[in-house]
Protein backbone atom coordinates (compact mmCIF):
# COMPACT_ATOMS: atom_id res chain seq x y z
CA MET A 1 0.00 0.00 0.00
CA LEU A 2 1.30 3.42 -0.92
CA ASN A 3 1.40 6.16 1.68
CA GLY A 4 -0.38 9.45 1.16
CA HIS A 5 2.75 11.40 0.19
CA LYS A 6 3.70 8.95 -2.53
CA LEU A 7 0.14 8.95 -3.88
CA ILE A 8 0.13 12.73 -4.11
CA HIS A 9 3.48 12.65 -5.90
CA THR A 10 2.08 10.12 -8.38
CA LEU A 11 -0.99 12.25 -9.08
CA LYS A 12 1.10 15.38 -9.52
CA SER A 13 3.27 13.59 -12.05
CA SER A 14 0.16 12.38 -13.91
CA PHE A 15 -1.76 15.66 -14.04
CA LYS A 16 -1.05 19.22 -14.95
CA THR A 17 -2.77 21.90 -12.89
CA SER A 18 -4.44 23.14 -16.05
CA GLU A 19 -5.88 19.67 -16.71
CA VAL A 20 -7.56 19.53 -13.33
CA PHE A 21 -8.82 23.08 -13.80
CA TYR A 22 -10.40 22.33 -17.18
CA VAL A 23 -12.12 19.16 -15.99
CA VAL A 24 -13.47 20.56 -12.72
CA VAL A 25 -14.61 23.89 -14.18
CA SER A 26 -16.24 22.28 -17.21
CA GLN A 27 -18.18 19.80 -15.09
CA ILE A 28 -19.33 22.49 -12.67
CA LEU A 29 -20.44 24.69 -15.58
CA PHE A 30 -22.17 21.73 -17.20
CA VAL A 31 -24.15 20.96 -14.05
CA LEU A 32 -25.12 24.62 -13.61
CA LEU A 33 -26.16 24.96 -17.26
CA SER A 34 -28.12 21.71 -16.94
CA PHE A 35 -30.05 23.28 -14.08
CA VAL A 36 -30.72 26.33 -16.28
CA LEU A 37 -31.99 24.06 -19.05
CA VAL A 38 -34.26 22.17 -16.64
CA LYS A 39 -35.61 25.46 -15.31
CA ILE A 40 -36.43 26.67 -18.83
CA LEU A 41 -38.09 23.41 -19.83
CA THR A 42 -40.15 23.01 -16.66
CA ASN A 43 -41.31 26.62 -16.84
CA ASN A 44 -42.54 26.20 -20.42
CA LEU A 45 -43.79 22.61 -20.51
CA SER A 46 -46.57 20.98 -18.55
CA ILE A 47 -45.64 18.15 -16.18
CA SER A 48 -47.14 15.73 -18.70
CA SER A 49 -45.16 17.18 -21.64
CA TYR A 50 -41.96 17.06 -19.60
CA GLY A 51 -42.77 13.41 -18.96
CA PHE A 52 -43.26 12.79 -22.70
CA LEU A 53 -39.86 14.37 -23.41
CA ALA A 54 -38.33 12.03 -20.82
CA LEU A 55 -39.93 9.02 -22.56
CA ILE A 56 -38.51 10.07 -25.95
CA LEU A 57 -35.06 10.50 -24.42
CA THR A 58 -35.23 6.95 -23.04
CA LEU A 59 -35.52 5.66 -26.61
CA ILE A 60 -32.62 7.85 -27.72
CA SER A 61 -30.50 6.40 -24.93
CA PHE A 62 -30.79 2.98 -26.61
CA PHE A 63 -28.31 4.12 -29.24
CA THR A 64 -25.99 5.99 -26.89
CA GLN A 65 -25.88 3.28 -24.22
CA VAL A 66 -26.53 -0.05 -25.92
CA PHE A 67 -25.51 0.42 -29.55
CA LEU A 68 -22.56 2.75 -28.95
CA GLY A 69 -21.84 2.31 -25.24
CA GLY A 70 -19.48 -0.61 -25.72
CA LEU A 71 -17.72 1.16 -28.58
CA ASN A 72 -17.22 4.18 -26.33
CA ALA A 73 -15.45 2.06 -23.72
CA SER A 74 -13.57 0.11 -26.41
CA PHE A 75 -12.19 3.11 -28.32
CA SER A 76 -11.20 4.67 -24.98
CA ARG A 77 -9.33 1.55 -23.89
CA TYR A 78 -7.62 0.94 -27.24
CA TYR A 79 -6.32 4.50 -27.45
CA SER A 80 -3.87 3.76 -24.61
CA ILE A 81 -3.07 0.38 -26.16
CA SER A 82 -2.43 1.97 -29.57
CA ILE A 83 -0.10 4.51 -27.99
CA ALA A 84 1.84 1.73 -26.27
CA ASP A 85 1.98 -0.29 -29.51
CA THR A 86 2.76 2.79 -31.67
CA ASN A 87 -0.29 2.02 -33.77
CA ILE A 88 -2.05 5.38 -33.91
CA ASP A 89 -2.47 5.18 -37.70
CA GLY A 90 -4.31 1.87 -37.38
CA TYR A 91 -6.42 3.38 -34.59
CA ALA A 92 -7.31 6.38 -36.78
CA ASN A 93 -8.33 4.07 -39.61
CA SER A 94 -10.61 2.21 -37.20
CA LEU A 95 -12.27 5.47 -36.23
CA ARG A 96 -12.84 6.34 -39.87
CA LYS A 97 -14.45 2.95 -40.42
CA LEU A 98 -16.79 3.62 -37.52
CA VAL A 99 -17.89 6.92 -39.09
CA LYS A 100 -18.75 5.17 -42.38
CA TYR A 101 -20.83 2.54 -40.61
CA LEU A 102 -22.65 5.12 -38.47
CA VAL A 103 -23.53 7.27 -41.49
CA SER A 104 -24.87 4.20 -43.31
CA ILE A 105 -26.94 3.14 -40.32
CA LEU A 106 -28.27 6.67 -39.81
CA LEU A 107 -29.36 7.06 -43.44
CA THR A 108 -30.95 3.60 -43.49
CA MET A 109 -32.95 4.20 -40.32
CA ILE A 110 -34.12 7.64 -41.44
CA LEU A 111 -35.20 6.18 -44.78
CA VAL A 112 -37.17 3.42 -43.04
CA LEU A 113 -38.88 5.92 -40.74
CA ILE A 114 -39.75 8.21 -43.67
CA VAL A 115 -41.36 5.27 -45.49
CA PHE A 116 -43.40 4.39 -42.42
CA ASP A 117 -44.32 8.04 -41.98
CA ASN A 118 -45.70 8.18 -45.53
CA ILE A 119 -47.66 4.95 -45.09
CA TYR A 120 -48.91 5.48 -41.53
CA TYR A 121 -48.87 9.25 -41.12
CA SER A 122 -48.20 10.18 -37.51
CA SER A 123 -46.68 13.23 -35.88
CA ASP A 124 -44.90 10.89 -33.46
CA LEU A 125 -42.99 9.26 -36.34
CA SER A 126 -41.52 12.62 -37.36
CA ILE A 127 -40.27 13.05 -33.79
CA PHE A 128 -38.59 9.63 -34.02
CA ILE A 129 -36.78 10.68 -37.20
CA TYR A 130 -35.25 13.64 -35.36
CA ALA A 131 -34.58 11.45 -32.33
CA VAL A 132 -32.69 8.79 -34.31
CA ALA A 133 -30.46 11.41 -35.90
CA PHE A 134 -29.81 13.01 -32.52
CA ALA A 135 -29.04 9.62 -30.95
CA ILE A 136 -26.40 8.72 -33.54
CA THR A 137 -24.70 12.12 -33.42
CA ALA A 138 -24.77 12.22 -29.62
CA GLY A 139 -23.33 8.71 -29.37
CA TYR A 140 -20.44 9.39 -31.72
CA SER A 141 -19.85 12.74 -30.03
CA SER A 142 -19.49 10.91 -26.72
CA ILE A 143 -16.86 8.58 -28.23
CA LEU A 144 -14.83 11.51 -29.57
CA ASN A 145 -15.05 13.36 -26.27
CA GLN A 146 -13.84 10.32 -24.36
CA ILE A 147 -10.87 9.97 -26.73
CA LEU A 148 -9.94 13.59 -26.02
CA ASN A 149 -10.23 12.89 -22.32
CA ILE A 150 -8.05 9.78 -22.40
CA ALA A 151 -5.49 11.74 -24.46
CA LYS A 152 -5.53 14.38 -21.68
CA LYS A 153 -6.77 17.06 -24.07
CA ARG A 154 -8.79 18.57 -21.26
CA ALA A 155 -9.36 21.96 -22.88
CA SER A 156 -10.79 20.45 -26.07
CA SER A 157 -12.94 18.00 -24.11
CA SER A 158 -14.22 20.75 -21.80
CA ILE A 159 -15.06 23.06 -24.71
CA SER A 160 -17.12 20.28 -26.28
CA ILE A 161 -19.11 19.61 -23.14
CA ILE A 162 -19.93 23.24 -22.43
CA LEU A 163 -20.59 24.12 -26.07
CA GLU A 164 -23.29 21.51 -26.60
CA ILE A 165 -25.43 22.38 -23.59
CA SER A 166 -24.92 26.11 -24.21
CA LEU A 167 -26.21 25.65 -27.75
CA LYS A 168 -29.24 23.76 -26.44
CA ILE A 169 -30.12 26.63 -24.12
CA PHE A 170 -29.53 29.21 -26.85
CA PHE A 171 -31.69 27.49 -29.49
CA ILE A 172 -34.49 26.70 -27.02
CA TYR A 173 -34.49 30.33 -25.90
CA LEU A 174 -34.87 31.38 -29.55
CA LEU A 175 -37.80 28.97 -29.90
CA ILE A 176 -39.52 30.35 -26.81
CA GLU A 177 -39.19 33.89 -28.17
CA ASN A 178 -40.83 32.99 -31.49
CA TYR A 179 -42.88 29.81 -31.04
CA GLU A 180 -44.69 27.76 -28.45
CA LEU A 181 -42.23 25.22 -27.05
CA SER A 182 -43.00 21.60 -27.94
CA VAL A 183 -41.23 18.26 -27.57
CA ASP A 184 -40.44 17.88 -31.28
CA PHE A 185 -38.89 21.36 -31.40
CA ILE A 186 -36.78 20.48 -28.36
CA ILE A 187 -35.45 17.31 -30.03
CA ILE A 188 -34.58 19.33 -33.17
CA THR A 189 -32.60 21.83 -31.08
CA TYR A 190 -30.80 18.92 -29.39
CA LEU A 191 -29.92 17.49 -32.82
CA ILE A 192 -28.56 20.80 -34.12
CA SER A 193 -26.53 21.38 -30.95
CA SER A 194 -25.08 17.87 -31.03
CA SER A 195 -24.19 18.13 -34.73
CA ILE A 196 -22.31 21.41 -34.32
CA THR A 197 -20.40 20.02 -31.34
CA LEU A 198 -19.64 16.81 -33.25
CA ILE A 199 -18.02 18.71 -36.11
CA ILE A 200 -15.74 20.60 -33.72
CA GLN A 201 -14.84 17.42 -31.80
CA HIS A 202 -14.02 15.62 -35.04
CA ILE A 203 -11.55 18.38 -35.92
CA PHE A 204 -9.95 18.13 -32.46
CA VAL A 205 -9.57 14.34 -32.64
CA THR A 206 -8.30 14.38 -36.24
CA ASP A 207 -5.61 16.90 -35.30
CA LEU A 208 -4.73 14.85 -32.21
CA LEU A 209 -4.26 11.59 -34.09
CA SER A 210 -2.35 13.29 -36.92
CA SER A 211 0.11 14.83 -34.47
CA GLN A 212 0.77 11.44 -32.84
CA ASN A 213 1.14 9.42 -36.03
CA ASN A 214 4.91 8.96 -35.94
CA SER A 215 5.17 5.26 -36.78
CA SER A 216 4.79 3.00 -39.81
CA ASN A 217 2.61 0.51 -37.90
CA GLU A 218 -0.80 0.36 -39.55
CA TYR A 219 -2.34 -2.66 -37.85
CA ASP A 220 -6.11 -2.53 -38.33
CA CYS A 221 -7.39 -2.81 -34.78
CA PHE A 222 -11.05 -2.25 -35.70
CA THR A 223 -11.82 -5.96 -35.34
CA ASP A 224 -10.16 -6.01 -31.91
CA ILE A 225 -12.14 -2.93 -30.88
CA ILE A 226 -15.40 -4.57 -31.98
CA LYS A 227 -14.53 -7.79 -30.14
CA TYR A 228 -13.90 -5.77 -26.98
CA ALA A 229 -17.17 -3.86 -27.44
CA VAL A 230 -19.53 -6.72 -28.33
CA PRO A 231 -19.61 -8.30 -24.82
CA TYR A 232 -20.92 -4.97 -23.53
CA ILE A 233 -24.13 -5.29 -25.57
CA PRO A 234 -26.01 -7.89 -23.44
CA TRP A 235 -25.48 -6.13 -20.13
CA THR A 236 -25.84 -2.60 -21.53
CA LEU A 237 -29.13 -3.72 -23.10
CA ILE A 238 -30.37 -5.07 -19.79
CA ILE A 239 -29.15 -2.00 -17.91
CA TRP A 240 -30.85 0.20 -20.51
CA LEU A 241 -34.10 -1.72 -20.00
CA GLN A 242 -33.68 -1.25 -16.26
CA GLN A 243 -33.06 2.47 -16.64
CA ILE A 244 -36.06 3.08 -18.91
CA SER A 245 -38.36 0.68 -17.08
CA ASP A 246 -38.93 3.17 -14.27
CA LYS A 247 -40.46 5.83 -16.50
CA TRP A 248 -42.34 3.37 -18.70
CA PHE A 249 -43.79 1.50 -15.72
CA LEU A 250 -44.98 4.86 -14.39
CA GLU A 251 -46.49 5.63 -17.81
CA ILE A 252 -48.35 2.30 -17.79
CA TYR A 253 -49.42 1.97 -14.16
CA THR A 254 -49.67 5.54 -12.80
CA SER A 255 -49.66 8.67 -14.98
CA ARG A 256 -47.52 10.72 -17.36
CA ASP A 257 -47.43 13.45 -14.70
CA ASP A 258 -45.59 10.99 -12.46
CA VAL A 259 -43.18 10.35 -15.33
CA GLY A 260 -42.52 14.09 -15.45
CA GLY A 261 -42.09 14.34 -11.68
CA PHE A 262 -39.74 11.38 -11.59
CA ALA A 263 -37.75 12.76 -14.53
CA LEU A 264 -37.31 16.11 -12.78
CA LEU A 265 -36.09 14.60 -9.51
CA PHE A 266 -33.79 12.30 -11.44
CA GLN A 267 -32.39 15.28 -13.38
CA ILE A 268 -31.71 17.55 -10.41
CA GLY A 269 -30.97 14.89 -7.78
CA PHE A 270 -29.42 11.82 -9.39
CA VAL A 271 -27.78 13.14 -12.58
CA PRO A 272 -25.65 15.96 -11.06
CA LEU A 273 -24.01 13.48 -8.72
CA ILE A 274 -23.27 11.13 -11.58
CA PHE A 275 -21.57 14.03 -13.35
CA LEU A 276 -19.47 14.70 -10.27
CA PHE A 277 -18.35 11.08 -10.28
CA THR A 278 -17.80 11.35 -14.02
CA THR A 279 -15.42 14.20 -13.26
CA LEU A 280 -13.47 11.93 -10.94
CA ASN A 281 -13.43 9.15 -13.52
CA ARG A 282 -12.26 11.53 -16.25
CA LEU A 283 -9.43 12.67 -14.01
CA ILE A 284 -8.27 9.25 -12.88
CA SER A 285 -9.07 7.05 -15.92
CA PRO A 286 -5.84 7.95 -17.80
CA VAL A 287 -3.84 7.16 -14.66
CA ILE A 288 -5.76 3.93 -14.04
CA TYR A 289 -5.42 2.68 -17.61
CA ASN A 290 -1.76 3.61 -17.86
CA ASN A 291 -0.94 2.03 -14.50
CA GLU A 292 -2.67 -1.20 -15.50
CA THR A 293 -0.91 -1.17 -18.87
CA PHE A 294 2.47 -0.73 -17.20
CA ASN A 295 1.72 -2.95 -14.13
CA SER A 296 1.37 -0.31 -11.40
CA SER A 297 -1.96 -1.44 -9.96
CA ASN A 298 -0.90 -0.80 -6.34
CA ILE A 299 -1.18 2.92 -7.08
CA ASN A 300 -4.73 2.37 -8.29
CA THR A 301 -5.77 0.59 -5.09
CA THR A 302 -4.67 3.49 -2.89
CA LEU A 303 -6.35 6.01 -5.18
CA TYR A 304 -9.65 4.12 -5.00
CA ASN A 305 -9.59 4.05 -1.21
CA TYR A 306 -9.05 7.81 -0.87
CA ILE A 307 -11.83 8.59 -3.37
CA VAL A 308 -14.40 6.30 -1.76
CA TYR A 309 -13.86 7.60 1.78
CA ILE A 310 -14.00 11.28 0.82
CA THR A 311 -16.96 11.08 -1.58
CA PHE A 312 -19.06 8.97 0.76
CA ALA A 313 -18.60 11.48 3.60
CA LEU A 314 -19.49 14.43 1.35
CA GLY A 315 -22.45 12.48 0.00
CA LEU A 316 -24.00 12.03 3.42
CA ILE A 317 -23.86 15.79 3.93
CA LEU A 318 -25.69 16.34 0.61
CA VAL A 319 -28.40 13.86 1.60
CA TYR A 320 -28.97 15.68 4.89
CA LEU A 321 -29.17 19.10 3.21
CA SER A 322 -31.56 17.91 0.50
CA TRP A 323 -33.78 16.30 3.13
CA ASN A 324 -34.17 19.58 5.00
CA PHE A 325 -34.32 22.01 2.04
CA SER A 326 -36.12 20.00 -0.65
CA THR A 327 -38.83 22.61 -1.24
CA GLU A 328 -36.34 25.42 -1.71
CA ILE A 329 -34.28 23.29 -4.12
CA ILE A 330 -37.31 22.40 -6.25
CA LEU A 331 -38.37 26.05 -6.47
CA LEU A 332 -34.83 27.10 -7.36
CA PHE A 333 -34.34 24.65 -10.21
CA SER A 334 -37.85 24.08 -11.56
CA HIS A 335 -41.46 25.30 -11.37
CA PRO A 336 -43.83 25.32 -8.35
CA LYS A 337 -46.09 22.81 -10.13
CA PHE A 338 -43.50 20.12 -9.26
CA LEU A 339 -43.57 20.79 -5.50
CA SER A 340 -45.70 17.72 -4.78
CA TYR A 341 -42.63 15.60 -5.58
CA ALA A 342 -40.16 17.54 -3.40
CA SER A 343 -40.21 15.16 -0.42
CA PHE A 344 -38.48 12.44 -2.47
CA LEU A 345 -35.47 14.52 -3.53
CA HIS A 346 -33.05 13.26 -0.87
CA LEU A 347 -33.63 9.67 -1.95
CA PHE A 348 -32.56 10.49 -5.50
CA ILE A 349 -29.41 12.12 -4.16
CA LEU A 350 -28.67 9.07 -2.00
CA SER A 351 -29.14 6.82 -5.04
CA GLY A 352 -26.81 9.01 -7.10
CA ILE A 353 -24.07 8.72 -4.47
CA LEU A 354 -24.37 4.94 -4.25
CA PHE A 355 -24.46 4.50 -8.02
CA GLY A 356 -21.62 6.95 -8.59
CA LEU A 357 -19.36 5.07 -6.18
CA SER A 358 -20.11 1.84 -8.04
CA GLU A 359 -18.97 3.47 -11.31
CA ILE A 360 -15.53 4.00 -9.79
CA PHE A 361 -15.24 0.27 -9.17
CA LEU A 362 -16.58 -0.34 -12.68
CA LEU A 363 -13.63 1.65 -14.04
CA LYS A 364 -11.33 -0.60 -12.03
CA MET A 365 -12.77 -3.69 -13.73
CA GLN A 366 -12.61 -2.07 -17.18
CA SER A 367 -8.94 -1.24 -16.70
CA LYS A 368 -8.26 -4.92 -16.03
CA MET A 369 -10.05 -5.85 -19.29
CA GLU A 370 -12.61 -7.94 -17.35
CA VAL A 371 -15.36 -7.46 -19.93
CA LYS A 372 -16.89 -10.95 -19.60
CA LEU A 373 -17.21 -10.56 -15.85
CA LEU A 374 -18.78 -7.12 -16.35
CA ASN A 375 -21.27 -8.75 -18.71
CA TYR A 376 -22.30 -11.21 -16.01
CA VAL A 377 -22.46 -8.76 -13.10
CA LYS A 378 -24.27 -5.98 -14.96
CA SER A 379 -26.75 -8.42 -16.47
CA MET A 380 -27.69 -9.69 -13.03
CA LEU A 381 -28.04 -6.16 -11.73
CA GLY A 382 -30.15 -5.07 -14.68
CA LEU A 383 -32.59 -7.95 -14.30
CA PHE A 384 -32.80 -7.26 -10.57
CA GLY A 385 -33.51 -3.60 -11.29
CA ILE A 386 -36.29 -4.33 -13.77
CA ILE A 387 -37.98 -6.71 -11.33
CA ILE A 388 -37.88 -4.35 -8.35
CA ASN A 389 -39.00 -1.42 -10.52
CA PHE A 390 -42.06 -3.41 -11.59
CA ILE A 391 -42.83 -4.54 -8.05
CA GLY A 392 -42.34 -1.04 -6.69
CA VAL A 393 -44.61 0.69 -9.22
CA TYR A 394 -47.25 -2.03 -9.43
CA PHE A 395 -47.82 -2.31 -5.69
CA TYR A 396 -46.75 1.09 -4.33
CA GLY A 397 -46.84 3.50 -7.28
CA PHE A 398 -44.45 6.44 -7.43
CA THR A 399 -43.18 5.96 -3.87
CA GLY A 400 -42.36 2.32 -4.48
CA LEU A 401 -40.35 3.19 -7.57
CA VAL A 402 -38.23 5.74 -5.70
CA TYR A 403 -37.26 3.18 -3.07
CA SER A 404 -36.57 0.67 -5.84
CA LEU A 405 -34.01 3.12 -7.25
CA VAL A 406 -32.27 3.29 -3.86
CA ALA A 407 -32.26 -0.50 -3.55
CA PHE A 408 -30.84 -0.95 -7.05
CA SER A 409 -28.10 1.63 -6.52
CA PHE A 410 -27.09 0.00 -3.24
CA ALA A 411 -27.02 -3.49 -4.78
CA ASN A 412 -24.98 -2.14 -7.69
CA LEU A 413 -22.39 -0.67 -5.31
CA ILE A 414 -22.07 -3.86 -3.25
CA LEU A 415 -21.61 -6.14 -6.24
CA MET A 416 -19.18 -3.85 -8.09
CA TYR A 417 -17.10 -3.45 -4.93
CA TYR A 418 -17.07 -7.19 -4.29
CA TYR A 419 -15.99 -8.21 -7.79
CA SER A 420 -13.45 -5.42 -8.27
CA SER A 421 -11.87 -6.21 -4.89
CA SER A 422 -11.71 -9.94 -5.60
CA TYR A 423 -8.66 -9.40 -7.81
CA GLU A 424 -6.63 -8.09 -4.89
CA ARG A 425 -7.19 -11.09 -2.66
């Protein structure tokens, strides 16, 4: 076990002060701008319409989490491997192949939806056309941003994050000034914002890979990347079903207003904490991956321990504050019409802390290339989550679902801790 002084020395040698600044500031700005966006949306949409937007976004998340989630992790992991193997040119070729496949898939799906729209005319189908395009662009944008992060291009990564949400707020504000805000208009603004950000990210990544291409090795690692990514699909599919099941069970068994209320609490209670943990993961993932690649896992163990102790203590403070000031928080970040859901806010924050801690241990397993084990563990957790979501909503309605979220997050933390720690025994 490393002592604290040696750990600090290791972190200082791994990070520049500017890197930490870019990551922390960008994540704080992102969370604050997310609150601004939620405030705008909740002020201009009914609870039911906000719930419908949440349901559409669950379908979009299929592409970003299931279809492209494994590729995100795979391209991130193989960037470090390609650097070590001096195979950046082969890595760049793999990325170009991915772009060709994504464009083909996007055009095919849009064509299919247009055909269906002409045969069975429905306003909902037009929303799905915009949603599919947004899903593909957002998914690829996430891959590019993660590459920039792993390459320690913190400024470029931070610009991308802040730019996209700023554009969303800007375009939605323009809509409000000229039109009545609707869900389909919101999805269009999300698509435009994501596309602009994607173009800028693509320039950043292209310049990055070109500057590092100093070898004649052109091994095509695309097949290896796909093989690494494919095992993610079963468990990301199950986890996706678990994550969308809450809102869809509410839609089926309670009301769309409850979907909207749940979505709001999730957005201002659960999601900000996940972004805070994402900040930690973005800071430590290059160190973790590099240490595993060069056999320095004892550094990783000490780093995990410090993070868990500190974040858990701070998390308990947040739970206490949200329990006592839930009404004020709801009024600050949304509209008074959502006040009937304020008493549940602290439970969403507790769930976010538990789930966020589990993601740190997930990173530990990813760095050890334990994809098959991840498949097994996450699949079990996803099935468990779907079952308790159904039981919670069916028997106890909205309240039951909230406690199901807490139970799932706790189970996720326990299992991820157990399996990630098993490699040290």
